[in-house]
Each structure stands twice: as C-alpha cells, then as structure tokens.
Amino acid sequence: MKSEELKSEAMKSRAASRPKKSYRAPRLVVYGDLSRLTAAKGGTKGDGAGKPRTKL
C-alpha cells in the first residue's frame, strides 16, 4: 500500500511543477470536397462483401 501512495504522491508533485499549456482555439483544416474524399477507389470487393456468417 505504501508504494502506491508514494507513486501517487510523486505523480501529483510532478504535475504541480509543470505549468499548464495555454488554450489554443481549434482550427478547421479543409482537405477537399467531402464527396470526393469518401468516394470509392475502385476495386472488386467492398468492405465485408458476401453473405454474413451468422451460424458457425
């Protein structure tokens, strides 16, 4: 039990000595048109193609 208390105390003192990071407002990054980004890339099989195996 003592080792847990010592670890907890060490973590608390380490966190107290570090200054908090300042707030940064979120930024919106645009990578392109959503429909173009999510479009299929060709290929013969889709994700999870075929009949689902419900009984083994």
Foldseek 3Di string as FASTA:
>chain_A
DVVVVVVVVVVVVVVVVDDDDDDDDDDDDDPDDPCVVPDDPDDDDDVPDDDDDPDD
